[in-house]
């Protein structure tokens, strides 16, 4: 086994890891959690806006 074989194995392992992460991120069972996380920042902004308006 020479250096080129090691480079090929690292490249294939990295690509497989990338595909695993993409598969995990786009899995249907993760959608609800990601939707909640995406809207959480908007909810915080609305809550902060309501509190700021009530104090004035």
N, C-alpha and C. Protein backbone atom coordinates (compact mmCIF):
# COMPACT_ATOMS: atom_id res chain seq x y z
N UNK A 1 0.86 -1.18 0.00
CA UNK A 1 0.00 0.00 0.00
C UNK A 1 0.90 1.24 0.00
N UNK A 2 0.68 2.10 -0.96
CA UNK A 2 1.47 3.31 -1.02
C UNK A 2 0.61 4.53 -0.67
N UNK A 3 1.18 5.69 -0.79
CA UNK A 3 0.51 6.92 -0.40
C UNK A 3 -0.74 7.19 -1.23
N UNK A 4 -0.70 6.85 -2.51
CA UNK A 4 -1.87 7.07 -3.37
C UNK A 4 -3.07 6.25 -2.92
N UNK A 5 -2.85 5.02 -2.48
CA UNK A 5 -3.94 4.19 -1.97
C UNK A 5 -4.56 4.81 -0.73
N UNK A 6 -3.74 5.33 0.14
CA UNK A 6 -4.23 5.99 1.35
C UNK A 6 -5.06 7.22 0.99
N UNK A 7 -4.61 7.98 0.03
CA UNK A 7 -5.36 9.16 -0.41
C UNK A 7 -6.71 8.78 -0.98
N UNK A 8 -6.76 7.70 -1.74
CA UNK A 8 -8.03 7.24 -2.31
C UNK A 8 -8.97 6.82 -1.19
N UNK A 9 -8.47 6.09 -0.20
CA UNK A 9 -9.32 5.64 0.91
C UNK A 9 -9.86 6.82 1.72
N UNK A 10 -9.03 7.82 1.95
CA UNK A 10 -9.47 9.00 2.70
C UNK A 10 -10.53 9.76 1.90
N UNK A 11 -10.34 9.86 0.60
CA UNK A 11 -11.32 10.55 -0.26
C UNK A 11 -12.66 9.81 -0.26
N UNK A 12 -12.62 8.50 -0.39
CA UNK A 12 -13.86 7.71 -0.40
C UNK A 12 -14.55 7.80 0.96
N UNK A 13 -13.79 7.72 2.04
CA UNK A 13 -14.37 7.82 3.38
C UNK A 13 -14.98 9.20 3.61
N UNK A 14 -14.33 10.24 3.14
CA UNK A 14 -14.86 11.60 3.28
C UNK A 14 -16.15 11.77 2.49
N UNK A 15 -16.19 11.24 1.29
CA UNK A 15 -17.39 11.34 0.47
C UNK A 15 -18.54 10.55 1.09
N UNK A 16 -18.25 9.39 1.64
CA UNK A 16 -19.29 8.59 2.30
C UNK A 16 -19.82 9.32 3.53
N UNK A 17 -18.95 9.98 4.27
CA UNK A 17 -19.38 10.77 5.42
C UNK A 17 -20.26 11.93 4.98
N UNK A 18 -19.88 12.60 3.92
CA UNK A 18 -20.68 13.69 3.37
C UNK A 18 -22.07 13.21 2.97
N UNK A 19 -22.13 12.09 2.27
CA UNK A 19 -23.42 11.55 1.87
C UNK A 19 -24.27 11.16 3.08
N UNK A 20 -23.63 10.65 4.12
CA UNK A 20 -24.35 10.31 5.34
C UNK A 20 -24.94 11.54 6.00
N UNK A 21 -24.19 12.62 6.05
CA UNK A 21 -24.69 13.87 6.65
C UNK A 21 -25.84 14.43 5.83
N UNK A 22 -25.71 14.41 4.52
CA UNK A 22 -26.79 14.90 3.65
C UNK A 22 -28.04 14.05 3.83
N UNK A 23 -27.87 12.74 3.90
CA UNK A 23 -29.01 11.86 4.11
C UNK A 23 -29.68 12.12 5.45
N UNK A 24 -28.89 12.34 6.48
CA UNK A 24 -29.43 12.64 7.81
C UNK A 24 -30.20 13.96 7.79
N UNK A 25 -29.63 14.96 7.14
CA UNK A 25 -30.26 16.29 7.14
C UNK A 25 -31.57 16.30 6.36
N UNK A 26 -31.67 15.51 5.31
CA UNK A 26 -32.87 15.51 4.49
C UNK A 26 -33.83 14.38 4.83
N UNK A 27 -33.59 13.66 5.90
CA UNK A 27 -34.50 12.58 6.30
C UNK A 27 -35.85 13.16 6.68
N UNK A 28 -36.91 12.49 6.29
CA UNK A 28 -38.27 12.99 6.52
C UNK A 28 -38.57 13.13 8.01
N UNK A 29 -38.03 12.25 8.84
CA UNK A 29 -38.34 12.33 10.26
C UNK A 29 -37.67 13.52 10.95
N UNK A 30 -36.71 14.16 10.32
CA UNK A 30 -36.03 15.33 10.89
C UNK A 30 -36.74 16.63 10.53
N UNK A 31 -37.66 16.61 9.58
CA UNK A 31 -38.27 17.84 9.06
C UNK A 31 -38.97 18.64 10.15
N UNK A 32 -39.73 17.99 11.02
CA UNK A 32 -40.46 18.71 12.06
C UNK A 32 -39.51 19.45 13.00
N UNK A 33 -38.44 18.81 13.39
CA UNK A 33 -37.47 19.45 14.27
C UNK A 33 -36.78 20.63 13.60
N UNK A 34 -36.43 20.47 12.34
CA UNK A 34 -35.79 21.57 11.62
C UNK A 34 -36.76 22.72 11.40
N UNK A 35 -38.04 22.41 11.16
CA UNK A 35 -39.04 23.48 11.00
C UNK A 35 -39.20 24.26 12.31
N UNK A 36 -39.22 23.56 13.43
CA UNK A 36 -39.32 24.25 14.73
C UNK A 36 -38.09 25.12 14.97
N UNK A 37 -36.92 24.61 14.66
CA UNK A 37 -35.70 25.38 14.85
C UNK A 37 -35.68 26.61 13.94
N UNK A 38 -36.17 26.46 12.71
CA UNK A 38 -36.17 27.58 11.77
C UNK A 38 -37.13 28.67 12.20
N UNK A 39 -38.26 28.30 12.80
CA UNK A 39 -39.23 29.30 13.20
C UNK A 39 -38.97 29.83 14.61
N UNK A 40 -38.07 29.20 15.36
CA UNK A 40 -37.81 29.62 16.73
C UNK A 40 -37.25 31.05 16.78
N UNK A 41 -36.39 31.38 15.86
CA UNK A 41 -35.81 32.72 15.86
C UNK A 41 -36.87 33.77 15.58
N UNK A 42 -37.85 33.42 14.74
CA UNK A 42 -38.93 34.36 14.45
C UNK A 42 -39.82 34.53 15.67
N UNK A 43 -40.07 33.46 16.40
CA UNK A 43 -40.88 33.54 17.61
C UNK A 43 -40.19 34.39 18.66
N UNK A 44 -38.87 34.26 18.80
CA UNK A 44 -38.13 35.06 19.76
C UNK A 44 -38.22 36.54 19.40
N UNK A 45 -38.11 36.86 18.10
CA UNK A 45 -38.20 38.25 17.67
C UNK A 45 -39.58 38.83 17.96
N UNK A 46 -40.63 38.05 17.72
CA UNK A 46 -41.98 38.52 17.99
C UNK A 46 -42.18 38.73 19.49
N UNK A 47 -41.68 37.81 20.31
CA UNK A 47 -41.80 37.94 21.75
C UNK A 47 -41.05 39.18 22.25
N UNK A 48 -39.87 39.42 21.72
CA UNK A 48 -39.08 40.58 22.14
C UNK A 48 -39.77 41.88 21.69
N UNK A 49 -40.39 41.85 20.51
CA UNK A 49 -41.08 43.03 20.01
C UNK A 49 -42.31 43.33 20.86
N UNK A 50 -43.02 42.34 21.30
CA UNK A 50 -44.19 42.56 22.14
C UNK A 50 -43.80 43.09 23.51
N UNK A 51 -42.72 42.57 24.06
CA UNK A 51 -42.27 43.04 25.38
C UNK A 51 -41.79 44.49 25.30
N UNK A 52 -41.06 44.81 24.22
CA UNK A 52 -40.55 46.17 24.08
C UNK A 52 -41.66 47.19 23.89
N UNK A 53 -42.72 46.81 23.19
CA UNK A 53 -43.85 47.70 22.96
C UNK A 53 -44.67 47.92 24.22
N UNK A 54 -44.72 46.94 25.09
CA UNK A 54 -45.52 47.06 26.31
C UNK A 54 -44.84 47.97 27.33
N UNK A 55 -43.52 48.07 27.27
CA UNK A 55 -42.80 48.88 28.24
C UNK A 55 -42.90 50.36 27.92
N UNK A 56 -43.12 50.69 26.70
CA UNK A 56 -43.11 52.11 26.31
C UNK A 56 -44.39 52.79 26.58
